[in-house]
Protein backbone atom coordinates (compact mmCIF):
# COMPACT_ATOMS: atom_id res chain seq x y z
CA MET A 1 56.48 97.47 95.51
CA SER A 2 55.42 100.83 94.19
CA PRO A 3 51.86 101.96 94.91
CA LEU A 4 51.49 103.12 91.33
CA THR A 5 53.29 100.79 88.96
CA SER A 6 52.80 97.09 89.26
CA VAL A 7 55.73 94.91 88.23
CA ASP A 8 53.49 92.60 86.30
CA PRO A 9 54.99 90.06 83.89
CA GLY A 10 52.69 91.47 81.23
CA PRO A 11 49.46 90.59 79.51
CA VAL A 12 49.20 87.00 78.30
CA THR A 13 48.07 87.00 74.69
CA ALA A 14 46.71 83.96 72.93
CA GLU A 15 49.74 83.90 70.64
CA SER A 16 52.34 84.22 73.36
CA ALA A 17 50.62 81.69 75.62
CA ALA A 18 50.47 79.15 72.81
CA ASP A 19 54.11 79.65 71.88
CA ARG A 20 55.51 79.47 75.41
CA PRO A 21 56.92 76.22 76.73
CA ARG A 22 55.32 74.53 79.67
CA ARG A 23 57.18 75.55 82.75
CA GLY A 24 57.35 74.97 86.46
CA PRO A 25 58.92 77.13 89.16
CA LYS A 26 62.36 76.93 87.52
CA GLY A 27 60.91 78.02 84.20
CA GLU A 28 59.11 80.93 85.83
CA ARG A 29 62.34 82.06 87.46
CA THR A 30 64.14 81.90 84.12
CA ARG A 31 61.37 83.84 82.42
CA ARG A 32 61.43 86.55 85.08
CA ARG A 33 65.23 86.77 84.87
CA ILE A 34 64.93 87.30 81.11
CA LEU A 35 62.30 90.01 81.63
CA LEU A 36 64.46 91.86 84.16
CA ALA A 37 67.52 91.63 81.90
CA ALA A 38 65.47 92.80 78.93
CA ARG A 39 64.17 95.81 80.85
CA LYS A 40 67.72 96.86 81.72
CA GLU A 41 68.97 96.35 78.16
CA PHE A 42 66.06 98.25 76.62
CA GLY A 43 66.52 101.00 79.19
CA ARG A 44 70.24 101.25 78.41
CA TYR A 45 70.23 100.87 74.63
CA GLY A 46 66.67 101.62 73.53
CA TYR A 47 64.39 99.36 71.54
CA GLU A 48 66.27 99.51 68.25
CA ARG A 49 69.78 98.86 69.58
CA ALA A 50 68.97 96.23 72.19
CA THR A 51 69.35 92.70 70.86
CA ILE A 52 68.05 89.30 71.86
CA ARG A 53 71.65 88.08 71.98
CA GLY A 54 72.59 90.85 74.41
CA ILE A 55 69.54 90.21 76.56
CA ALA A 56 70.31 86.50 76.66
CA LEU A 57 73.88 87.25 77.73
CA ALA A 58 72.67 89.59 80.49
CA ALA A 59 70.17 86.99 81.69
CA GLU A 60 72.79 84.21 81.50
CA VAL A 61 70.67 82.06 79.23
CA ASP A 62 70.94 80.87 75.65
CA LYS A 63 69.51 83.01 72.88
CA SER A 64 67.23 80.09 72.01
CA SER A 65 65.71 80.27 75.50
CA VAL A 66 64.70 83.90 74.98
CA ILE A 67 63.06 82.99 71.68
CA GLN A 68 61.42 79.94 73.24
CA TYR A 69 59.79 82.02 75.98
CA PHE A 70 58.94 85.18 74.05
CA GLY A 71 59.18 84.47 70.34
CA THR A 72 60.27 87.88 69.09
CA LYS A 73 62.01 90.99 70.37
CA GLN A 74 58.74 92.88 69.97
CA ASN A 75 56.90 90.45 72.28
CA LEU A 76 59.73 90.57 74.80
CA PHE A 77 59.77 94.36 74.75
CA ARG A 78 56.02 94.66 75.27
CA GLU A 79 56.07 92.31 78.24
CA SER A 80 59.21 93.72 79.85
CA VAL A 81 57.85 97.28 79.91
CA TYR A 82 54.25 96.44 80.78
CA TRP A 83 52.95 98.56 83.66
CA HIS A 84 49.66 99.14 85.35
CA ILE A 85 48.42 102.23 87.20
CA PRO A 86 45.88 101.21 89.86
CA ILE A 87 43.72 104.27 89.28
CA ASP A 88 40.68 102.63 90.87
CA GLU A 89 42.60 101.91 94.07
CA LEU A 90 44.02 105.44 94.20
CA SER A 91 40.68 107.11 93.50
CA ASP A 92 38.62 108.69 96.26
CA PRO A 93 35.04 110.02 96.33
CA ASP A 94 36.65 113.43 96.81
CA PRO A 95 38.26 114.34 93.44
CA VAL A 96 40.81 116.57 95.15
CA ARG A 97 41.95 113.65 97.26
CA SER A 98 42.16 111.55 94.10
CA ALA A 99 44.42 114.14 92.48
CA GLU A 100 46.70 114.11 95.50
CA ASN A 101 46.86 110.31 95.41
CA TYR A 102 47.69 110.23 91.69
CA LEU A 103 50.45 112.81 92.03
CA HIS A 104 51.92 111.27 95.15
CA GLY A 105 51.78 107.76 93.71
CA MET A 106 53.34 108.71 90.39
CA LEU A 107 56.26 110.70 91.76
CA ARG A 108 56.98 108.32 94.63
CA SER A 109 56.94 105.44 92.18
CA TRP A 110 59.55 107.03 89.95
CA ALA A 111 61.64 108.08 92.93
CA ALA A 112 61.65 104.54 94.25
CA ASP A 113 62.43 102.84 90.95
CA PRO A 114 63.96 104.91 88.11
CA ASP A 115 64.32 101.68 86.10
CA SER A 116 60.65 100.79 86.41
CA PRO A 117 58.80 99.46 83.34
CA MET A 118 57.22 102.90 82.89
CA ALA A 119 60.56 104.69 82.95
CA VAL A 120 62.17 102.25 80.53
CA LEU A 121 59.26 102.53 78.13
CA LEU A 122 59.40 106.31 78.14
CA ARG A 123 63.16 106.34 77.55
CA ALA A 124 62.78 103.94 74.65
CA SER A 125 59.92 105.97 73.17
CA MET A 126 62.27 108.90 72.60
CA THR A 127 64.07 107.00 69.82
CA SER A 128 61.62 104.32 68.65
CA GLU A 129 58.22 104.67 67.02
CA GLU A 130 57.44 101.14 68.22
CA ALA A 131 57.97 102.22 71.81
CA ALA A 132 56.20 105.55 71.23
CA GLU A 133 53.09 103.77 69.97
CA LEU A 134 53.13 101.46 72.98
CA THR A 135 53.48 104.50 75.25
CA ARG A 136 50.44 106.11 73.64
CA GLU A 137 48.44 102.92 74.12
CA HIS A 138 49.47 102.60 77.76
CA LEU A 139 48.83 106.21 78.68
CA THR A 140 45.42 106.16 77.04
CA THR A 141 44.19 102.91 78.59
CA GLU A 142 46.00 103.08 81.93
CA ALA A 143 45.67 106.79 82.68
CA VAL A 144 43.41 108.90 80.47
CA ASP A 145 40.51 106.44 80.18
CA ARG A 146 40.44 105.71 83.90
CA ILE A 147 40.95 109.24 85.13
CA ALA A 148 38.29 110.57 82.74
CA ALA A 149 35.82 108.03 84.14
CA GLN A 150 36.32 109.60 87.59
CA LEU A 151 35.64 113.18 86.46
CA ASP A 152 32.37 115.10 86.33
CA GLY A 153 31.55 118.08 84.15
CA PRO A 154 32.54 119.06 80.59
CA ASP A 155 35.77 118.16 78.79
CA ALA A 156 36.41 115.17 81.05
CA ARG A 157 38.73 113.41 78.58
CA LEU A 158 40.60 116.60 77.73
CA ARG A 159 41.07 117.40 81.40
CA ALA A 160 42.20 113.83 82.05
CA SER A 161 44.69 114.07 79.16
CA VAL A 162 46.14 117.34 80.46
CA PHE A 163 46.27 115.85 83.97
CA ALA A 164 48.21 112.80 82.73
CA SER A 165 50.49 115.03 80.65
CA VAL A 166 51.37 117.15 83.67
CA LEU A 167 52.20 114.07 85.75
CA MET A 168 54.31 112.50 83.03
CA GLY A 169 56.03 115.80 82.24
CA ILE A 170 57.09 116.26 85.84
CA ALA A 171 58.29 112.68 86.07
CA VAL A 172 60.26 112.81 82.81
CA GLN A 173 61.95 116.12 83.61
CA ARG A 174 62.75 115.17 87.20
CA TYR A 175 63.89 111.57 86.76
CA LEU A 176 64.91 111.12 83.11
CA LEU A 177 66.17 114.52 81.95
CA ARG A 178 67.25 115.52 85.46
CA MET A 179 66.28 119.17 84.94
CA PRO A 180 67.99 120.89 87.91
CA ASP A 181 65.04 123.01 89.03
CA LEU A 182 62.94 119.88 89.40
CA ALA A 183 65.55 117.24 90.20
CA GLU A 184 67.36 119.11 92.95
CA VAL A 185 64.44 120.14 95.15
CA PRO A 186 62.60 118.02 97.71
CA LEU A 187 59.74 116.01 96.27
CA GLU A 188 57.37 117.62 98.76
CA ASP A 189 58.03 121.03 97.18
CA VAL A 190 57.23 119.71 93.71
CA GLU A 191 53.97 118.24 94.96
CA ARG A 192 53.06 121.45 96.79
CA VAL A 193 53.50 123.59 93.68
CA ALA A 194 51.84 121.14 91.28
CA MET A 195 48.74 120.38 93.33
CA PRO A 196 46.77 123.61 92.67
CA LEU A 197 47.01 123.00 88.93
CA LEU A 198 45.93 119.37 89.27
CA ARG A 199 43.06 120.24 91.59
CA GLY A 200 41.82 122.72 88.98
CA LEU A 201 41.76 119.96 86.38
CA VAL A 202 39.85 117.38 88.42
CA ALA A 203 37.56 119.78 90.28
CA PRO A 204 37.41 123.10 88.35
CA ASP A 205 34.42 124.35 90.39
CA ARG A 206 36.18 124.04 93.73
């Protein structure tokens, strides 16, 4: 499993928990199979074009089973692309070391799993306002808020936002857009060039 993105089944809301059927191990396996199929369908077709019928077919279940477990396409989408960045675990008392951990974790995560929840969400956000809003929520709560809490000095939130933007920009251009100057060089070279900029954001006085 990636050190940066956790393949979590998603947050359990009061509404979704109440609507879900009681399930044992078999039900959990079915639910996870639906989530994995949904992630692939959303990644391939985007939020708008992916359908519950198509997801059910890919998961080899009835359409009614998808609705029974998740209720709506919106609920299914939110759970299938849920991701968590363990900022606290990657953070170090030395802010420079933290920056190295964030960069290394992010890029290695995308390299290991281009169809990760984070990657699928970002692809979908290019064509769907629903997905774009969810991306904004995730980046704010999972990255900016937590990175800013680790920073000292002025403009902590702005520096954290720029930091997160640099990381996501590199990841998108290397793994989604496949820009040749980023996609065709060793990952170590990308990290080497990016680190001075990131160090300046987390520790501008050093």
